[in-house]
Amino acid sequence: MISAIVLINADVNRIPEVAQAIAEIEGVSEVYSVTGNVDLIAVAKVARHEDFADVIADRLNKVEGVRDTQTHIAFRTYSADDLGAAFSIGND
């Protein structure tokens, strides 16, 4: 899977509704309400780069209340779970 992190600015009065609508889009795995320069952060996961056009450009960006987005496509994913699993190979 290929992951993208989408930073979203939304109409302030509609943040919960916008978050819920985005969370219901196939290909979006998580939506976070956050502090800082953006209102929401969504994680999209797709099989092919081309699928981001459908999930982000054609659906997420068209959710009522979304004012602006900025998308960052991930090159690699690092997590404590992944590193722990890698280092435990052969320790049975």
PDB file of N, CA and C in Angstrom:
ATOM      1  N   MET A   1       0.840  -1.188   0.000  1.00  0.00           N
ATOM      2  CA  MET A   1       0.000   0.000   0.000  1.00  0.00           C
ATOM      3  C   MET A   1       0.881   1.244   0.000  1.00  0.00           C
ATOM      4  N   ILE A   2       0.388   2.272  -0.649  1.00  0.00           N
ATOM      5  CA  ILE A   2       1.056   3.561  -0.685  1.00  0.00           C
ATOM      6  C   ILE A   2       0.248   4.498   0.210  1.00  0.00           C
ATOM      7  N   SER A   3       0.945   5.239   1.053  1.00  0.00           N
ATOM      8  CA  SER A   3       0.256   6.119   1.999  1.00  0.00           C
ATOM      9  C   SER A   3       0.470   7.577   1.646  1.00  0.00           C
ATOM     10  N   ALA A   4      -0.539   8.377   1.956  1.00  0.00           N
ATOM     11  CA  ALA A   4      -0.432   9.825   1.833  1.00  0.00           C
ATOM     12  C   ALA A   4      -1.011  10.452   3.089  1.00  0.00           C
ATOM     13  N   ILE A   5      -0.394  11.536   3.505  1.00  0.00           N
ATOM     14  CA  ILE A   5      -0.886  12.314   4.637  1.00  0.00           C
ATOM     15  C   ILE A   5      -1.474  13.587   4.045  1.00  0.00           C
ATOM     16  N   VAL A   6      -2.730  13.859   4.366  1.00  0.00           N
ATOM     17  CA  VAL A   6      -3.425  15.009   3.788  1.00  0.00           C
ATOM     18  C   VAL A   6      -3.735  15.999   4.908  1.00  0.00           C
ATOM     19  N   LEU A   7      -3.165  17.197   4.798  1.00  0.00           N
ATOM     20  CA  LEU A   7      -3.434  18.273   5.743  1.00  0.00           C
ATOM     21  C   LEU A   7      -4.637  19.044   5.218  1.00  0.00           C
ATOM     22  N   ILE A   8      -5.632  19.254   6.072  1.00  0.00           N
ATOM     23  CA  ILE A   8      -6.910  19.794   5.618  1.00  0.00           C
ATOM     24  C   ILE A   8      -7.308  21.008   6.441  1.00  0.00           C
ATOM     25  N   ASN A   9      -7.655  22.084   5.756  1.00  0.00           N
ATOM     26  CA  ASN A   9      -8.300  23.227   6.393  1.00  0.00           C
ATOM     27  C   ASN A   9      -9.775  23.147   6.056  1.00  0.00           C
ATOM     28  N   ALA A  10     -10.601  23.299   7.082  1.00  0.00           N
ATOM     29  CA  ALA A  10     -12.051  23.154   6.912  1.00  0.00           C
ATOM     30  C   ALA A  10     -12.763  24.357   7.489  1.00  0.00           C
ATOM     31  N   ASP A  11     -14.028  24.525   7.089  1.00  0.00           N
ATOM     32  CA  ASP A  11     -14.865  25.548   7.713  1.00  0.00           C
ATOM     33  C   ASP A  11     -14.958  25.229   9.197  1.00  0.00           C
ATOM     34  N   VAL A  12     -14.631  26.188  10.032  1.00  0.00           N
ATOM     35  CA  VAL A  12     -14.549  25.971  11.473  1.00  0.00           C
ATOM     36  C   VAL A  12     -15.853  25.416  12.039  1.00  0.00           C
ATOM     37  N   ASN A  13     -16.981  25.881  11.570  1.00  0.00           N
ATOM     38  CA  ASN A  13     -18.272  25.432  12.090  1.00  0.00           C
ATOM     39  C   ASN A  13     -18.654  24.026  11.645  1.00  0.00           C
ATOM     40  N   ARG A  14     -17.870  23.439  10.724  1.00  0.00           N
ATOM     41  CA  ARG A  14     -18.232  22.128  10.168  1.00  0.00           C
ATOM     42  C   ARG A  14     -17.152  21.073  10.370  1.00  0.00           C
ATOM     43  N   ILE A  15     -16.163  21.325  11.210  1.00  0.00           N
ATOM     44  CA  ILE A  15     -15.044  20.393  11.358  1.00  0.00           C
ATOM     45  C   ILE A  15     -15.498  18.966  11.689  1.00  0.00           C
ATOM     46  N   PRO A  16     -16.377  18.746  12.656  1.00  0.00           N
ATOM     47  CA  PRO A  16     -16.790  17.356  12.938  1.00  0.00           C
ATOM     48  C   PRO A  16     -17.480  16.680  11.751  1.00  0.00           C
ATOM     49  N   GLU A  17     -18.336  17.418  11.061  1.00  0.00           N
ATOM     50  CA  GLU A  17     -19.049  16.850   9.906  1.00  0.00           C
ATOM     51  C   GLU A  17     -18.078  16.564   8.757  1.00  0.00           C
ATOM     52  N   VAL A  18     -17.143  17.471   8.529  1.00  0.00           N
ATOM     53  CA  VAL A  18     -16.143  17.278   7.476  1.00  0.00           C
ATOM     54  C   VAL A  18     -15.293  16.059   7.798  1.00  0.00           C
ATOM     55  N   ALA A  19     -14.849  15.940   9.047  1.00  0.00           N
ATOM     56  CA  ALA A  19     -14.026  14.798   9.457  1.00  0.00           C
ATOM     57  C   ALA A  19     -14.775  13.486   9.241  1.00  0.00           C
ATOM     58  N   GLN A  20     -16.031  13.439   9.622  1.00  0.00           N
ATOM     59  CA  GLN A  20     -16.824  12.219   9.466  1.00  0.00           C
ATOM     60  C   GLN A  20     -17.009  11.868   7.993  1.00  0.00           C
ATOM     61  N   ALA A  21     -17.300  12.859   7.172  1.00  0.00           N
ATOM     62  CA  ALA A  21     -17.490  12.607   5.739  1.00  0.00           C
ATOM     63  C   ALA A  21     -16.198  12.090   5.104  1.00  0.00           C
ATOM     64  N   ILE A  22     -15.067  12.646   5.493  1.00  0.00           N
ATOM     65  CA  ILE A  22     -13.782  12.195   4.955  1.00  0.00           C
ATOM     66  C   ILE A  22     -13.481  10.779   5.432  1.00  0.00           C
ATOM     67  N   ALA A  23     -13.761  10.487   6.695  1.00  0.00           N
ATOM     68  CA  ALA A  23     -13.500   9.152   7.253  1.00  0.00           C
ATOM     69  C   ALA A  23     -14.297   8.069   6.525  1.00  0.00           C
ATOM     70  N   GLU A  24     -15.405   8.424   5.922  1.00  0.00           N
ATOM     71  CA  GLU A  24     -16.251   7.463   5.217  1.00  0.00           C
ATOM     72  C   GLU A  24     -15.808   7.196   3.781  1.00  0.00           C
ATOM     73  N   ILE A  25     -14.807   7.928   3.308  1.00  0.00           N
ATOM     74  CA  ILE A  25     -14.317   7.737   1.944  1.00  0.00           C
ATOM     75  C   ILE A  25     -13.454   6.479   1.885  1.00  0.00           C
ATOM     76  N   GLU A  26     -13.761   5.601   0.940  1.00  0.00           N
ATOM     77  CA  GLU A  26     -12.948   4.401   0.755  1.00  0.00           C
ATOM     78  C   GLU A  26     -11.532   4.817   0.369  1.00  0.00           C
ATOM     79  N   GLY A  27     -10.565   4.284   1.085  1.00  0.00           N
ATOM     80  CA  GLY A  27      -9.168   4.651   0.846  1.00  0.00           C
ATOM     81  C   GLY A  27      -8.613   5.545   1.936  1.00  0.00           C
ATOM     82  N   VAL A  28      -9.501   6.123   2.749  1.00  0.00           N
ATOM     83  CA  VAL A  28      -9.063   6.934   3.889  1.00  0.00           C
ATOM     84  C   VAL A  28      -9.107   6.036   5.119  1.00  0.00           C
ATOM     85  N   SER A  29      -7.948   5.862   5.756  1.00  0.00           N
ATOM     86  CA  SER A  29      -7.889   4.950   6.899  1.00  0.00           C
ATOM     87  C   SER A  29      -8.125   5.648   8.226  1.00  0.00           C
ATOM     88  N   GLU A  30      -7.747   6.919   8.336  1.00  0.00           N
ATOM     89  CA  GLU A  30      -7.886   7.651   9.600  1.00  0.00           C
ATOM     90  C   GLU A  30      -8.047   9.134   9.327  1.00  0.00           C
ATOM     91  N   VAL A  31      -8.740   9.804  10.225  1.00  0.00           N
ATOM     92  CA  VAL A  31      -8.849  11.264  10.194  1.00  0.00           C
ATOM     93  C   VAL A  31      -8.657  11.758  11.616  1.00  0.00           C
ATOM     94  N   TYR A  32      -7.773  12.725  11.777  1.00  0.00           N
ATOM     95  CA  TYR A  32      -7.484  13.284  13.096  1.00  0.00           C
ATOM     96  C   TYR A  32      -7.876  14.752  13.137  1.00  0.00           C
ATOM     97  N   SER A  33      -8.510  15.166  14.207  1.00  0.00           N
ATOM     98  CA  SER A  33      -8.737  16.577  14.490  1.00  0.00           C
ATOM     99  C   SER A  33      -7.518  17.028  15.291  1.00  0.00           C
ATOM    100  N   VAL A  34      -6.854  18.085  14.853  1.00  0.00           N
ATOM    101  CA  VAL A  34      -5.565  18.459  15.442  1.00  0.00           C
ATOM    102  C   VAL A  34      -5.493  19.953  15.761  1.00  0.00           C
ATOM    103  N   THR A  35      -4.482  20.301  16.536  1.00  0.00           N
ATOM    104  CA  THR A  35      -4.167  21.701  16.772  1.00  0.00           C
ATOM    105  C   THR A  35      -3.101  22.117  15.777  1.00  0.00           C
ATOM    106  N   GLY A  36      -2.894  23.420  15.666  1.00  0.00           N
ATOM    107  CA  GLY A  36      -1.841  23.908  14.778  1.00  0.00           C
ATOM    108  C   GLY A  36      -2.399  24.625  13.571  1.00  0.00           C
ATOM    109  N   ASN A  37      -1.641  24.581  12.476  1.00  0.00           N
ATOM    110  CA  ASN A  37      -1.981  25.348  11.277  1.00  0.00           C
ATOM    111  C   ASN A  37      -3.060  24.718  10.410  1.00  0.00           C
ATOM    112  N   VAL A  38      -3.434  23.476  10.706  1.00  0.00           N
ATOM    113  CA  VAL A  38      -4.494  22.803   9.949  1.00  0.00           C
ATOM    114  C   VAL A  38      -5.549  22.301  10.916  1.00  0.00           C
ATOM    115  N   ASP A  39      -6.717  21.997  10.384  1.00  0.00           N
ATOM    116  CA  ASP A  39      -7.828  21.540  11.225  1.00  0.00           C
ATOM    117  C   ASP A  39      -7.892  20.029  11.345  1.00  0.00           C
ATOM    118  N   LEU A  40      -7.580  19.345  10.244  1.00  0.00           N
ATOM    119  CA  LEU A  40      -7.687  17.886  10.194  1.00  0.00           C
ATOM    120  C   LEU A  40      -6.473  17.306   9.473  1.00  0.00           C
ATOM    121  N   ILE A  41      -6.120  16.090   9.828  1.00  0.00           N
ATOM    122  CA  ILE A  41      -5.109  15.335   9.093  1.00  0.00           C
ATOM    123  C   ILE A  41      -5.725  13.984   8.763  1.00  0.00           C
ATOM    124  N   ALA A  42      -5.685  13.632   7.483  1.00  0.00           N
ATOM    125  CA  ALA A  42      -6.212  12.344   7.036  1.00  0.00           C
ATOM    126  C   ALA A  42      -5.074  11.492   6.507  1.00  0.00           C
ATOM    127  N   VAL A  43      -5.195  10.193   6.692  1.00  0.00           N
ATOM    128  CA  VAL A  43      -4.239   9.240   6.131  1.00  0.00           C
ATOM    129  C   VAL A  43      -4.987   8.441   5.068  1.00  0.00           C
ATOM    130  N   ALA A  44      -4.474   8.511   3.853  1.00  0.00           N
ATOM    131  CA  ALA A  44      -5.058   7.761   2.744  1.00  0.00           C
ATOM    132  C   ALA A  44      -4.095   6.651   2.361  1.00  0.00           C
ATOM    133  N   LYS A  45      -4.638   5.458   2.087  1.00  0.00           N
ATOM    134  CA  LYS A  45      -3.822   4.314   1.688  1.00  0.00           C
ATOM    135  C   LYS A  45      -4.449   3.682   0.456  1.00  0.00           C
ATOM    136  N   VAL A  46      -3.638   3.596  -0.607  1.00  0.00           N
ATOM    137  CA  VAL A  46      -4.132   3.050  -1.873  1.00  0.00           C
ATOM    138  C   VAL A  46      -3.120   2.062  -2.448  1.00  0.00           C
ATOM    139  N   ALA A  47      -3.551   1.300  -3.415  1.00  0.00           N
ATOM    140  CA  ALA A  47      -2.684   0.302  -4.038  1.00  0.00           C
ATOM    141  C   ALA A  47      -1.755   0.921  -5.088  1.00  0.00           C
ATOM    142  N   ARG A  48      -2.249   1.938  -5.800  1.00  0.00           N
ATOM    143  CA  ARG A  48      -1.477   2.548  -6.890  1.00  0.00           C
ATOM    144  C   ARG A  48      -1.493   4.063  -6.747  1.00  0.00           C
ATOM    145  N   HIS A  49      -0.427   4.714  -7.171  1.00  0.00           N
ATOM    146  CA  HIS A  49      -0.376   6.177  -7.094  1.00  0.00           C
ATOM    147  C   HIS A  49      -1.575   6.811  -7.782  1.00  0.00           C
ATOM    148  N   GLU A  50      -1.988   6.232  -8.892  1.00  0.00           N
ATOM    149  CA  GLU A  50      -3.111   6.785  -9.652  1.00  0.00           C
ATOM    150  C   GLU A  50      -4.396   6.828  -8.837  1.00  0.00           C
ATOM    151  N   ASP A  51      -4.507   5.946  -7.854  1.00  0.00           N
ATOM    152  CA  ASP A  51      -5.712   5.897  -7.030  1.00  0.00           C
ATOM    153  C   ASP A  51      -5.868   7.128  -6.131  1.00  0.00           C
ATOM    154  N   PHE A  52      -4.761   7.834  -5.871  1.00  0.00           N
ATOM    155  CA  PHE A  52      -4.858   9.061  -5.073  1.00  0.00           C
ATOM    156  C   PHE A  52      -5.737  10.099  -5.773  1.00  0.00           C
ATOM    157  N   ALA A  53      -5.728  10.110  -7.096  1.00  0.00           N
ATOM    158  CA  ALA A  53      -6.561  11.068  -7.831  1.00  0.00           C
ATOM    159  C   ALA A  53      -8.032  10.856  -7.495  1.00  0.00           C
ATOM    160  N   ASP A  54      -8.460   9.611  -7.408  1.00  0.00           N
ATOM    161  CA  ASP A  54      -9.846   9.305  -7.076  1.00  0.00           C
ATOM    162  C   ASP A  54     -10.155   9.642  -5.615  1.00  0.00           C
ATOM    163  N   VAL A  55      -9.307   9.178  -4.708  1.00  0.00           N
ATOM    164  CA  VAL A  55      -9.572   9.343  -3.279  1.00  0.00           C
ATOM    165  C   VAL A  55      -9.448  10.801  -2.839  1.00  0.00           C
ATOM    166  N   ILE A  56      -8.368  11.464  -3.248  1.00  0.00           N
ATOM    167  CA  ILE A  56      -8.102  12.811  -2.742  1.00  0.00           C
ATOM    168  C   ILE A  56      -8.711  13.884  -3.639  1.00  0.00           C
ATOM    169  N   ALA A  57      -8.333  13.890  -4.905  1.00  0.00           N
ATOM    170  CA  ALA A  57      -8.800  14.967  -5.791  1.00  0.00           C
ATOM    171  C   ALA A  57     -10.299  14.879  -6.089  1.00  0.00           C
ATOM    172  N   ASP A  58     -10.791  13.679  -6.358  1.00  0.00           N
ATOM    173  CA  ASP A  58     -12.183  13.550  -6.777  1.00  0.00           C
ATOM    174  C   ASP A  58     -13.178  13.423  -5.631  1.00  0.00           C
ATOM    175  N   ARG A  59     -12.723  12.987  -4.452  1.00  0.00           N
ATOM    176  CA  ARG A  59     -13.663  12.804  -3.339  1.00  0.00           C
ATOM    177  C   ARG A  59     -13.361  13.718  -2.157  1.00  0.00           C
ATOM    178  N   LEU A  60     -12.186  13.548  -1.554  1.00  0.00           N
ATOM    179  CA  LEU A  60     -11.861  14.304  -0.339  1.00  0.00           C
ATOM    180  C   LEU A  60     -11.953  15.814  -0.568  1.00  0.00           C
ATOM    181  N   ASN A  61     -11.347  16.295  -1.629  1.00  0.00           N
ATOM    182  CA  ASN A  61     -11.354  17.734  -1.914  1.00  0.00           C
ATOM    183  C   ASN A  61     -12.746  18.287  -2.191  1.00  0.00           C
ATOM    184  N   LYS A  62     -13.689  17.417  -2.510  1.00  0.00           N
ATOM    185  CA  LYS A  62     -15.037  17.864  -2.838  1.00  0.00           C
ATOM    186  C   LYS A  62     -16.017  17.738  -1.676  1.00  0.00           C
ATOM    187  N   VAL A  63     -15.527  17.314  -0.505  1.00  0.00           N
ATOM    188  CA  VAL A  63     -16.391  17.252   0.673  1.00  0.00           C
ATOM    189  C   VAL A  63     -16.780  18.677   1.054  1.00  0.00           C
ATOM    190  N   GLU A  64     -18.073  18.870   1.282  1.00  0.00           N
ATOM    191  CA  GLU A  64     -18.554  20.202   1.653  1.00  0.00           C
ATOM    192  C   GLU A  64     -17.897  20.638   2.964  1.00  0.00           C
ATOM    193  N   GLY A  65     -17.290  21.816   2.942  1.00  0.00           N
ATOM    194  CA  GLY A  65     -16.614  22.339   4.123  1.00  0.00           C
ATOM    195  C   GLY A  65     -15.104  22.264   4.039  1.00  0.00           C
ATOM    196  N   VAL A  66     -14.560  21.501   3.084  1.00  0.00           N
ATOM    197  CA  VAL A  66     -13.109  21.471   2.881  1.00  0.00           C
ATOM    198  C   VAL A  66     -12.718  22.750   2.146  1.00  0.00           C
ATOM    199  N   ARG A  67     -11.826  23.522   2.759  1.00  0.00           N
ATOM    200  CA  ARG A  67     -11.394  24.780   2.141  1.00  0.00           C
ATOM    201  C   ARG A  67     -10.083  24.633   1.384  1.00  0.00           C
ATOM    202  N   ASP A  68      -9.169  23.816   1.916  1.00  0.00           N
ATOM    203  CA  ASP A  68      -7.844  23.699   1.308  1.00  0.00           C
ATOM    204  C   ASP A  68      -7.204  22.398   1.780  1.00  0.00           C
ATOM    205  N   THR A  69      -6.409  21.785   0.917  1.00  0.00           N
ATOM    206  CA  THR A  69      -5.671  20.581   1.321  1.00  0.00           C
ATOM    207  C   THR A  69      -4.229  20.687   0.846  1.00  0.00           C
ATOM    208  N   GLN A  70      -3.386  19.934   1.521  1.00  0.00           N
ATOM    209  CA  GLN A  70      -1.993  19.790   1.136  1.00  0.00           C
ATOM    210  C   GLN A  70      -1.654  18.316   1.329  1.00  0.00           C
ATOM    211  N   THR A  71      -1.198  17.658   0.266  1.00  0.00           N
ATOM    212  CA  THR A  71      -0.976  16.217   0.305  1.00  0.00           C
ATOM    213  C   THR A  71       0.509  15.892   0.279  1.00  0.00           C
ATOM    214  N   HIS A  72       0.899  14.975   1.168  1.00  0.00           N
ATOM    215  CA  HIS A  72       2.280  14.507   1.250  1.00  0.00           C
ATOM    216  C   HIS A  72       2.266  12.994   1.062  1.00  0.00           C
ATOM    217  N   ILE A  73       2.889  12.514  -0.022  1.00  0.00           N
ATOM    218  CA  ILE A  73       2.953  11.083  -0.282  1.00  0.00           C
ATOM    219  C   ILE A  73       4.178  10.516   0.425  1.00  0.00           C
ATOM    220  N   ALA A  74       3.983   9.418   1.145  1.00  0.00           N
ATOM    221  CA  ALA A  74       5.056   8.812   1.928  1.00  0.00           C
ATOM    222  C   ALA A  74       5.961   7.954   1.050  1.00  0.00           C
ATOM    223  N   PHE A  75       7.272   8.085   1.260  1.00  0.00           N
ATOM    224  CA  PHE A  75       8.245   7.219   0.586  1.00  0.00           C
ATOM    225  C   PHE A  75       8.380   5.898   1.324  1.00  0.00           C
ATOM    226  N   ARG A  76       8.506   5.988   2.659  1.00  0.00           N
ATOM    227  CA  ARG A  76       8.664   4.815   3.515  1.00  0.00           C
ATOM    228  C   ARG A  76       7.855   5.024   4.774  1.00  0.00           C
ATOM    229  N   THR A  77       7.529   3.911   5.412  1.00  0.00           N
ATOM    230  CA  THR A  77       6.831   3.962   6.693  1.00  0.00           C
ATOM    231  C   THR A  77       7.740   3.354   7.754  1.00  0.00           C
ATOM    232  N   TYR A  78       7.909   4.065   8.843  1.00  0.00           N
ATOM    233  CA  TYR A  78       8.696   3.576   9.967  1.00  0.00           C
ATOM    234  C   TYR A  78       7.781   3.508  11.183  1.00  0.00           C
ATOM    235  N   SER A  79       7.868   2.434  11.936  1.00  0.00           N
ATOM    236  CA  SER A  79       7.120   2.342  13.173  1.00  0.00           C
ATOM    237  C   SER A  79       7.874   1.454  14.140  1.00  0.00           C
ATOM    238  N   ALA A  80       7.631   1.638  15.417  1.00  0.00           N
ATOM    239  CA  ALA A  80       8.281   0.816  16.429  1.00  0.00           C
ATOM    240  C   ALA A  80       7.923  -0.653  16.233  1.00  0.00           C
ATOM    241  N   ASP A  81       6.696  -0.942  15.850  1.00  0.00           N
ATOM    242  CA  ASP A  81       6.268  -2.329  15.620  1.00  0.00           C
ATOM    243  C   ASP A  81       7.053  -2.965  14.488  1.00  0.00           C
ATOM    244  N   ASP A  82       7.229  -2.227  13.382  1.00  0.00           N
ATOM    245  CA  ASP A  82       7.970  -2.761  12.246  1.00  0.00           C
ATOM    246  C   ASP A  82       9.424  -3.023  12.607  1.00  0.00           C
ATOM    247  N   LEU A  83      10.050  -2.089  13.326  1.00  0.00           N
ATOM    248  CA  LEU A  83      11.445  -2.264  13.708  1.00  0.00           C
ATOM    249  C   LEU A  83      11.607  -3.421  14.675  1.00  0.00           C
ATOM    250  N   GLY A  84      10.691  -3.550  15.630  1.00  0.00           N
ATOM    251  CA  GLY A  84      10.749  -4.660  16.577  1.00  0.00           C
ATOM    252  C   GLY A  84      10.616  -6.000  15.884  1.00  0.00           C
ATOM    253  N   ALA A  85       9.726  -6.081  14.921  1.00  0.00           N
ATOM    254  CA  ALA A  85       9.532  -7.323  14.176  1.00  0.00           C
ATOM    255  C   ALA A  85      10.778  -7.669  13.366  1.00  0.00           C
ATOM    256  N   ALA A  86      11.408  -6.677  12.762  1.00  0.00           N
ATOM    257  CA  ALA A  86      12.608  -6.923  11.971  1.00  0.00           C
ATOM    258  C   ALA A  86      13.750  -7.441  12.835  1.00  0.00           C
ATOM    259  N   PHE A  87      13.912  -6.857  14.014  1.00  0.00           N
ATOM    260  CA  PHE A  87      15.011  -7.265  14.887  1.00  0.00           C
ATOM    261  C   PHE A  87      14.751  -8.590  15.600  1.00  0.00           C
ATOM    262  N   SER A  88      13.507  -9.043  15.594  1.00  0.00           N
ATOM    263  CA  SER A  88      13.203 -10.297  16.276  1.00  0.00           C
ATOM    264  C   SER A  88      13.253 -11.510  15.335  1.00  0.00           C
ATOM    265  N   ILE A  89      13.536 -11.287  14.060  1.00  0.00           N
ATOM    266  CA  ILE A  89      13.608 -12.380  13.107  1.00  0.00           C
ATOM    267  C   ILE A  89      14.732 -13.336  13.522  1.00  0.00           C
ATOM    268  N   GLY A  90      14.403 -14.602  13.627  1.00  0.00           N
ATOM    269  CA  GLY A  90      15.392 -15.608  13.972  1.00  0.00           C
ATOM    270  C   GLY A  90      15.626 -15.775  15.467  1.00  0.00           C
ATOM    271  N   ASN A  91      14.876 -15.083  16.294  1.00  0.00           N
ATOM    272  CA  ASN A  91      15.044 -15.175  17.744  1.00  0.00           C
ATOM    273  C   ASN A  91      14.104 -16.187  18.378  1.00  0.00           C
ATOM    274  N   ASP A  92      13.580 -17.108  17.595  1.00  0.00           N
ATOM    275  CA  ASP A  92      12.631 -18.097  18.132  1.00  0.00           C
ATOM    276  C   ASP A  92      13.317 -19.150  18.962  1.00  0.00           C
TER     277      ASP A  92
END
